[in-house]
Amino acid sequence: MRLKPVRPTARPSKRARLARAFDSLGILDRMLSLRAKLTTRSLMVLTYHRIADAAEVGELDGDVRETDAHGLSEQIKVVKQHGALVSLPDVRRFLLGGPLPSNAVMLAFDDGYRDCHDVALPILKTAGATATFFVPTAYPDAGRIFWWDRIALLLGRCQKHTLALAYPYPIVLDLGRDPVGAKRLLLSLVKRTPGLDLARFFDELSRAADVTLDPAEERSIAARTIMGFRDVRALADAGMSVASHSHEHRVIATMTPEEALSDLHRSRRVLSDVLEQDVRTVAYPVGHQVQGPFVRVARDAGFDLGFTNATGVCVRERADLLNIPRIAMGPELEGAMFKALLIAGP
């Protein structure tokens, strides 16, 4: 799951209108070509989650959908035309002092949605491109949906105008007046509440919403939307990199260091067993940086490379190997806006 950029309004922003005007004149392509001639020691890592039509997301969280198959294909085409798609091994070498092509871009896919295998992988193979897939290991083949998707589903099925929750603290949500704000607040509770008992939280949310998700239905939804470990292995067999996105996809800073160490170590062990290779790279859930004792936690779990999200461009001279920045993608970053992103960054 990503830190969400600002969503577009019905009327394109001034920046979007300007980007389209420049693109129609061929200016963005010329700027990208010029940028490719410059010596650079920087890297863009673009983070995706779901590659799907909006209708395919259904009752789940539509905010984790960045583009569809056509959009991803076009973005890959633009990168290959004006720069280079690089692999996780390329990035490792770069961060240790090795060379990097101009306009270098690494594609990252978080969370392990089935779209990664069924939609993104064929596009990548056709384009001769590579990407890195970050998988939270508690979910493949487990028959349960992601916690943010559960929030979206429960709110979407709720027939009440207000919700009164007693856990993790008393709160009243006005679904009738501000459903978007209610969803945002619930997501924030999970992302930011230290020691949150997630099972108790969802019991409370289900009670307040008067909506119950049947286990059999949840297994069916999970099977349709989340990769199994066979799919994860297929990504690696196709030449893609696969790395950790923790085990339970809980924000590291909301856990104790001991809990975080157990979670990260378990994810690394599971993936290493599935892939039959040593996994030493992680992308932190929700993209938050690791700080304080959690830097040591990441190292002690066996990781020597860690990625954040929505944090910008990676410049080697300033790189913190356990907090490599990435750029969060979104539906607003298509066409001319995608080219503008590659030129100037976020």
Protein backbone atom coordinates (compact mmCIF):
# COMPACT_ATOMS: atom_id res chain seq x y z
CA MET A 1 0.00 0.00 0.00
CA ARG A 2 1.28 3.44 -0.81
CA LEU A 3 1.23 6.95 0.55
CA LYS A 4 -1.31 8.51 -1.76
CA PRO A 5 -0.44 11.52 -3.93
CA VAL A 6 -3.10 14.16 -4.42
CA ARG A 7 -5.83 12.88 -6.69
CA PRO A 8 -6.85 14.80 -9.79
CA THR A 9 -9.99 16.89 -9.82
CA ALA A 10 -12.50 16.80 -12.67
CA ARG A 11 -10.75 19.84 -14.17
CA PRO A 12 -7.06 19.24 -14.99
CA SER A 13 -4.63 21.17 -12.82
CA LYS A 14 -2.62 24.06 -14.21
CA ARG A 15 0.46 21.83 -14.21
CA ALA A 16 -1.39 19.14 -16.18
CA ARG A 17 -2.66 21.62 -18.75
CA LEU A 18 0.83 23.06 -19.16
CA ALA A 19 2.35 19.59 -19.53
CA ARG A 20 -0.16 18.70 -22.24
CA ALA A 21 0.56 21.92 -24.12
CA PHE A 22 4.32 21.30 -24.03
CA ASP A 23 3.81 17.68 -25.07
CA SER A 24 1.69 18.66 -28.07
CA LEU A 25 4.60 20.83 -29.25
CA GLY A 26 7.14 18.04 -28.78
CA ILE A 27 8.94 19.98 -26.04
CA LEU A 28 8.75 17.22 -23.41
CA ASP A 29 10.29 14.65 -25.76
CA ARG A 30 13.14 17.04 -26.60
CA MET A 31 13.75 17.73 -22.91
CA LEU A 32 13.84 14.00 -22.17
CA SER A 33 16.31 13.45 -25.02
CA LEU A 34 18.51 16.25 -23.69
CA ARG A 35 18.34 14.87 -20.16
CA ALA A 36 19.48 11.47 -21.45
CA LYS A 37 22.72 13.07 -22.69
CA LEU A 38 23.60 14.43 -19.27
CA THR A 39 25.83 12.50 -16.90
CA THR A 40 23.73 11.46 -13.93
CA ARG A 41 24.13 9.61 -10.68
CA SER A 42 20.46 9.64 -9.81
CA LEU A 43 17.73 7.05 -10.04
CA MET A 44 13.95 7.11 -10.13
CA VAL A 45 12.09 4.21 -8.56
CA LEU A 46 8.42 4.27 -9.53
CA THR A 47 6.00 2.45 -7.24
CA TYR A 48 2.81 0.77 -8.47
CA HIS A 49 0.29 -1.46 -6.72
CA ARG A 50 -2.63 -2.39 -8.97
CA ILE A 51 -2.67 -2.42 -12.78
CA ALA A 52 -6.36 -2.76 -13.55
CA ASP A 53 -9.44 -1.12 -14.99
CA ALA A 54 -11.33 0.84 -12.35
CA ALA A 55 -14.33 -1.48 -12.69
CA GLU A 56 -12.17 -4.53 -11.87
CA VAL A 57 -11.32 -3.17 -8.42
CA GLY A 58 -14.96 -3.51 -7.41
CA GLU A 59 -15.61 -3.14 -3.67
CA LEU A 60 -11.93 -3.04 -2.78
CA ASP A 61 -9.79 0.06 -2.29
CA GLY A 62 -9.69 1.95 -5.57
CA ASP A 63 -6.96 4.27 -4.29
CA VAL A 64 -4.32 1.57 -4.79
CA ARG A 65 -4.98 1.40 -8.53
CA GLU A 66 -2.47 3.52 -10.48
CA THR A 67 -3.21 2.69 -14.11
CA ASP A 68 -4.50 0.00 -16.46
CA ALA A 69 -2.67 -2.32 -18.87
CA HIS A 70 -2.58 0.26 -21.66
CA GLY A 71 -1.27 2.96 -19.33
CA LEU A 72 1.54 0.76 -17.99
CA SER A 73 2.52 -0.25 -21.53
CA GLU A 74 2.71 3.40 -22.60
CA GLN A 75 4.77 4.39 -19.56
CA ILE A 76 7.25 1.59 -20.18
CA LYS A 77 7.49 2.67 -23.81
CA VAL A 78 8.30 6.26 -22.78
CA VAL A 79 11.01 5.15 -20.34
CA LYS A 80 12.63 2.86 -22.91
CA GLN A 81 12.51 5.54 -25.58
CA HIS A 82 14.23 8.18 -23.46
CA GLY A 83 16.13 6.24 -20.83
CA ALA A 84 16.60 2.78 -19.38
CA LEU A 85 14.70 0.40 -17.14
CA VAL A 86 17.10 -1.04 -14.59
CA SER A 87 16.86 -4.10 -12.38
CA LEU A 88 17.32 -4.47 -8.63
CA PRO A 89 20.84 -5.92 -9.17
CA ASP A 90 21.64 -2.86 -11.33
CA VAL A 91 20.49 -0.60 -8.49
CA ARG A 92 22.62 -2.48 -5.96
CA ARG A 93 25.71 -2.02 -8.13
CA PHE A 94 24.89 1.67 -8.63
CA LEU A 95 24.55 2.31 -4.90
CA LEU A 96 27.94 0.67 -4.34
CA GLY A 97 29.60 2.97 -6.89
CA GLY A 98 28.86 1.31 -10.21
CA PRO A 99 27.57 2.97 -13.40
CA LEU A 100 23.95 3.69 -14.22
CA PRO A 101 22.40 4.61 -17.58
CA SER A 102 21.01 8.10 -18.03
CA ASN A 103 17.32 8.53 -17.17
CA ALA A 104 17.45 5.27 -15.22
CA VAL A 105 14.15 4.02 -13.85
CA MET A 106 13.37 1.00 -11.69
CA LEU A 107 9.77 -0.20 -11.64
CA ALA A 108 8.45 -1.48 -8.30
CA PHE A 109 5.16 -3.23 -7.58
CA ASP A 110 4.06 -3.46 -3.95
CA ASP A 111 1.60 -5.75 -2.13
CA GLY A 112 1.39 -8.78 -4.40
CA TYR A 113 -1.94 -8.24 -6.11
CA ARG A 114 -2.75 -10.82 -8.77
CA ASP A 115 -2.55 -7.99 -11.32
CA CYS A 116 1.23 -8.23 -10.88
CA HIS A 117 1.30 -11.73 -12.36
CA ASP A 118 -1.68 -11.65 -14.69
CA VAL A 119 -1.37 -8.12 -16.12
CA ALA A 120 2.01 -6.53 -15.38
CA LEU A 121 4.20 -9.58 -16.04
CA PRO A 122 3.01 -10.18 -19.64
CA ILE A 123 3.47 -6.47 -20.41
CA LEU A 124 6.99 -6.51 -18.97
CA LYS A 125 7.93 -9.66 -20.89
CA THR A 126 6.59 -8.26 -24.17
CA ALA A 127 8.55 -5.05 -23.64
CA GLY A 128 11.72 -6.87 -22.62
CA ALA A 129 11.58 -4.95 -19.35
CA THR A 130 12.32 -5.81 -15.75
CA ALA A 131 10.73 -4.88 -12.43
CA THR A 132 10.89 -5.63 -8.72
CA PHE A 133 7.90 -7.06 -6.85
CA PHE A 134 7.63 -6.52 -3.08
CA VAL A 135 5.44 -9.17 -1.42
CA PRO A 136 3.97 -9.24 2.12
CA THR A 137 4.40 -12.92 2.86
CA ALA A 138 1.39 -13.43 5.19
CA TYR A 139 -1.09 -13.07 2.31
CA PRO A 140 -0.29 -15.43 -0.60
CA ASP A 141 -2.48 -18.55 -0.35
CA ALA A 142 -3.82 -17.39 3.05
CA GLY A 143 -7.40 -16.70 1.96
CA ARG A 144 -7.62 -13.25 3.51
CA ILE A 145 -7.74 -9.80 1.96
CA PHE A 146 -5.53 -6.83 2.76
CA TRP A 147 -6.62 -4.68 5.71
CA TRP A 148 -7.14 -1.55 3.59
CA ASP A 149 -9.35 -3.53 1.19
CA ARG A 150 -11.35 -4.82 4.14
CA ILE A 151 -11.93 -1.25 5.33
CA ALA A 152 -13.13 -0.22 1.87
CA LEU A 153 -15.42 -3.23 1.56
CA LEU A 154 -17.01 -2.81 4.99
CA LEU A 155 -17.63 0.90 4.46
CA GLY A 156 -18.99 0.30 0.98
CA ARG A 157 -21.54 -2.22 2.25
CA CYS A 158 -22.52 -0.21 5.32
CA GLN A 159 -26.06 1.18 5.19
CA LYS A 160 -25.64 3.48 8.18
CA HIS A 161 -25.06 7.21 8.05
CA THR A 162 -22.87 7.27 11.17
CA LEU A 163 -20.46 4.79 12.76
CA ALA A 164 -19.65 4.80 16.45
CA LEU A 165 -16.48 2.89 17.36
CA ALA A 166 -15.17 2.27 20.88
CA TYR A 167 -11.75 0.86 19.83
CA PRO A 168 -8.98 1.93 19.62
CA TYR A 169 -10.71 4.95 21.17
CA PRO A 170 -14.26 6.35 21.06
CA ILE A 171 -14.93 7.95 17.70
CA VAL A 172 -17.99 8.78 15.58
CA LEU A 173 -17.69 8.81 11.78
CA ASP A 174 -20.19 10.61 9.55
CA LEU A 175 -20.48 8.42 6.46
CA GLY A 176 -23.39 10.40 5.11
CA ARG A 177 -21.54 13.71 5.04
CA ASP A 178 -17.93 12.67 4.48
CA PRO A 179 -17.39 9.02 3.45
CA VAL A 180 -13.94 9.80 2.03
CA GLY A 181 -12.83 11.41 5.27
CA ALA A 182 -14.18 8.47 7.27
CA LYS A 183 -12.21 6.01 5.19
CA ARG A 184 -9.07 8.13 5.44
CA LEU A 185 -9.37 8.29 9.22
CA LEU A 186 -9.79 4.51 9.55
CA LEU A 187 -6.77 3.90 7.35
CA SER A 188 -4.79 6.35 9.44
CA LEU A 189 -5.74 4.50 12.62
CA VAL A 190 -4.19 1.31 11.29
CA LYS A 191 -1.12 3.09 9.93
CA ARG A 192 -0.37 5.17 13.01
CA THR A 193 -1.74 3.49 16.16
CA PRO A 194 1.03 1.79 18.16
CA GLY A 195 0.17 -1.72 19.30
CA LEU A 196 -3.17 -1.84 17.49
CA ASP A 197 -4.94 -5.20 17.82
CA LEU A 198 -6.04 -5.49 14.19
CA ALA A 199 -8.46 -8.38 14.77
CA ARG A 200 -10.19 -6.46 17.56
CA PHE A 201 -10.29 -3.33 15.41
CA PHE A 202 -12.08 -5.15 12.60
CA ASP A 203 -14.48 -6.83 15.01
CA GLU A 204 -15.36 -3.36 16.25
CA LEU A 205 -15.67 -1.92 12.73
CA SER A 206 -17.88 -4.82 11.61
CA ARG A 207 -20.11 -4.35 14.65
CA ALA A 208 -20.39 -0.61 14.15
CA ALA A 209 -21.09 -0.96 10.41
CA ASP A 210 -23.39 -3.96 10.92
CA VAL A 211 -21.53 -5.73 8.10
CA THR A 212 -19.90 -9.14 8.33
CA LEU A 213 -17.52 -10.57 5.74
CA ASP A 214 -18.11 -14.30 5.47
CA PRO A 215 -14.83 -16.30 5.57
CA ALA A 216 -15.77 -18.25 2.45
CA GLU A 217 -16.42 -15.04 0.54
CA GLU A 218 -13.15 -13.57 1.79
CA ARG A 219 -11.27 -16.62 0.54
CA SER A 220 -12.92 -16.21 -2.84
CA ILE A 221 -12.03 -12.51 -3.06
CA ALA A 222 -8.45 -13.19 -1.95
CA ALA A 223 -8.02 -15.94 -4.55
CA ARG A 224 -9.13 -13.54 -7.29
CA THR A 225 -7.06 -10.57 -6.18
CA ILE A 226 -3.87 -11.74 -4.39
CA MET A 227 -1.06 -13.83 -5.86
CA GLY A 228 -0.29 -17.26 -4.51
CA PHE A 229 3.29 -18.38 -3.92
CA ARG A 230 3.26 -20.24 -7.23
CA ASP A 231 2.65 -16.88 -8.94
CA VAL A 232 5.38 -15.24 -6.85
CA ARG A 233 7.83 -17.94 -7.92
CA ALA A 234 6.73 -17.47 -11.53
CA LEU A 235 7.75 -13.81 -11.37
CA ALA A 236 11.27 -14.80 -10.33
CA ASP A 237 11.42 -17.56 -12.93
CA ALA A 238 10.56 -14.94 -15.56
CA GLY A 239 13.61 -12.89 -14.59
CA MET A 240 11.91 -10.41 -12.28
CA SER A 241 13.25 -9.54 -8.83
CA VAL A 242 11.12 -10.44 -5.81
CA ALA A 243 11.73 -8.92 -2.39
CA SER A 244 10.09 -8.47 0.99
CA HIS A 245 7.24 -6.13 1.87
CA SER A 246 7.26 -7.39 5.47
CA HIS A 247 5.12 -10.31 6.62
CA GLU A 248 1.84 -8.83 7.90
CA HIS A 249 2.08 -5.44 6.13
CA ARG A 250 1.94 -3.50 9.36
CA VAL A 251 3.69 -0.15 9.64
CA ILE A 252 7.04 -0.93 11.27
CA ALA A 253 6.97 2.04 13.64
CA THR A 254 3.65 0.93 15.16
CA MET A 255 5.27 -2.27 16.45
CA THR A 256 7.81 -2.80 19.18
CA PRO A 257 11.34 -3.41 17.89
CA GLU A 258 10.98 -7.06 18.92
CA GLU A 259 7.72 -7.46 16.99
CA ALA A 260 9.16 -5.69 13.96
CA LEU A 261 12.25 -7.90 13.99
CA SER A 262 10.12 -11.04 14.14
CA ASP A 263 7.89 -9.82 11.30
CA LEU A 264 10.72 -8.77 8.99
CA HIS A 265 12.83 -11.84 9.70
CA ARG A 266 9.86 -14.12 9.02
CA SER A 267 9.14 -12.43 5.69
CA ARG A 268 12.75 -12.81 4.61
CA ARG A 269 12.85 -16.47 5.63
CA VAL A 270 9.59 -17.30 3.84
CA LEU A 271 10.61 -15.59 0.60
CA SER A 272 14.10 -17.06 0.68
CA ASP A 273 12.57 -20.54 0.99
CA VAL A 274 10.01 -19.96 -1.78
CA LEU A 275 12.52 -18.46 -4.20
CA GLU A 276 15.46 -20.64 -3.13
CA GLN A 277 17.68 -17.57 -2.97
CA ASP A 278 18.84 -15.17 -0.28
CA VAL A 279 16.43 -12.21 -0.06
CA ARG A 280 18.11 -9.13 1.37
CA THR A 281 15.90 -6.29 0.09
CA VAL A 282 12.74 -4.88 1.69
CA ALA A 283 10.20 -2.16 0.93
CA TYR A 284 8.59 -0.93 4.12
CA PRO A 285 4.79 -1.10 4.39
CA VAL A 286 3.08 2.21 3.59
CA GLY A 287 6.51 3.49 2.60
CA HIS A 288 7.43 5.05 5.94
CA GLN A 289 11.15 5.46 6.55
CA VAL A 290 12.80 3.41 9.28
CA GLN A 291 14.34 5.53 12.02
CA GLY A 292 15.92 5.09 15.44
CA PRO A 293 15.93 1.48 16.68
CA PHE A 294 14.14 0.25 13.56
CA VAL A 295 17.23 0.88 11.42
CA ARG A 296 19.01 -1.76 13.46
CA VAL A 297 15.91 -3.97 13.30
CA ALA A 298 16.05 -3.97 9.50
CA ARG A 299 19.74 -4.86 9.58
CA ASP A 300 19.28 -7.56 12.23
CA ALA A 301 16.49 -9.10 10.14
CA GLY A 302 19.06 -9.59 7.39
CA PHE A 303 18.27 -6.73 5.03
CA ASP A 304 20.98 -4.52 3.57
CA LEU A 305 18.76 -2.54 1.18
CA GLY A 306 15.45 -0.91 2.10
CA PHE A 307 13.00 1.20 0.09
CA THR A 308 10.58 3.86 1.30
CA ASN A 309 7.86 5.51 -0.84
CA ALA A 310 6.59 8.92 -1.94
CA THR A 311 9.96 10.34 -0.92
CA GLY A 312 11.61 11.43 -4.18
CA VAL A 313 14.59 10.66 -6.39
CA CYS A 314 17.60 8.64 -5.26
CA VAL A 315 20.92 10.47 -5.52
CA ARG A 316 23.86 8.18 -4.79
CA GLU A 317 25.91 10.70 -2.83
CA ARG A 318 23.03 11.19 -0.37
CA ALA A 319 21.72 7.63 -0.38
CA ASP A 320 20.86 5.86 2.87
CA LEU A 321 20.90 2.19 1.88
CA LEU A 322 18.08 1.32 4.28
CA ASN A 323 15.93 4.30 3.23
CA ILE A 324 16.10 4.47 -0.57
CA PRO A 325 13.44 6.91 -1.86
CA ARG A 326 10.76 6.01 -4.36
CA ILE A 327 8.03 7.91 -6.19
CA ALA A 328 4.38 6.92 -5.72
CA MET A 329 2.55 6.58 -9.01
CA GLY A 330 -1.13 7.43 -9.55
CA PRO A 331 -3.80 7.91 -12.22
CA GLU A 332 -2.90 11.58 -12.48
CA LEU A 333 0.60 10.69 -13.71
CA GLU A 334 -0.28 9.54 -17.21
CA GLY A 335 0.55 10.83 -20.67
CA ALA A 336 2.23 14.24 -20.59
CA MET A 337 2.29 14.26 -16.78
CA PHE A 338 4.35 11.05 -16.80
CA LYS A 339 6.89 12.64 -19.13
CA ALA A 340 7.02 15.72 -16.92
CA LEU A 341 7.65 13.47 -13.91
CA LEU A 342 10.62 11.84 -15.66
CA ILE A 343 12.07 15.27 -16.47
CA ALA A 344 11.66 17.10 -13.20
CA GLY A 345 10.75 14.51 -10.56
CA PRO A 346 7.79 14.72 -8.17
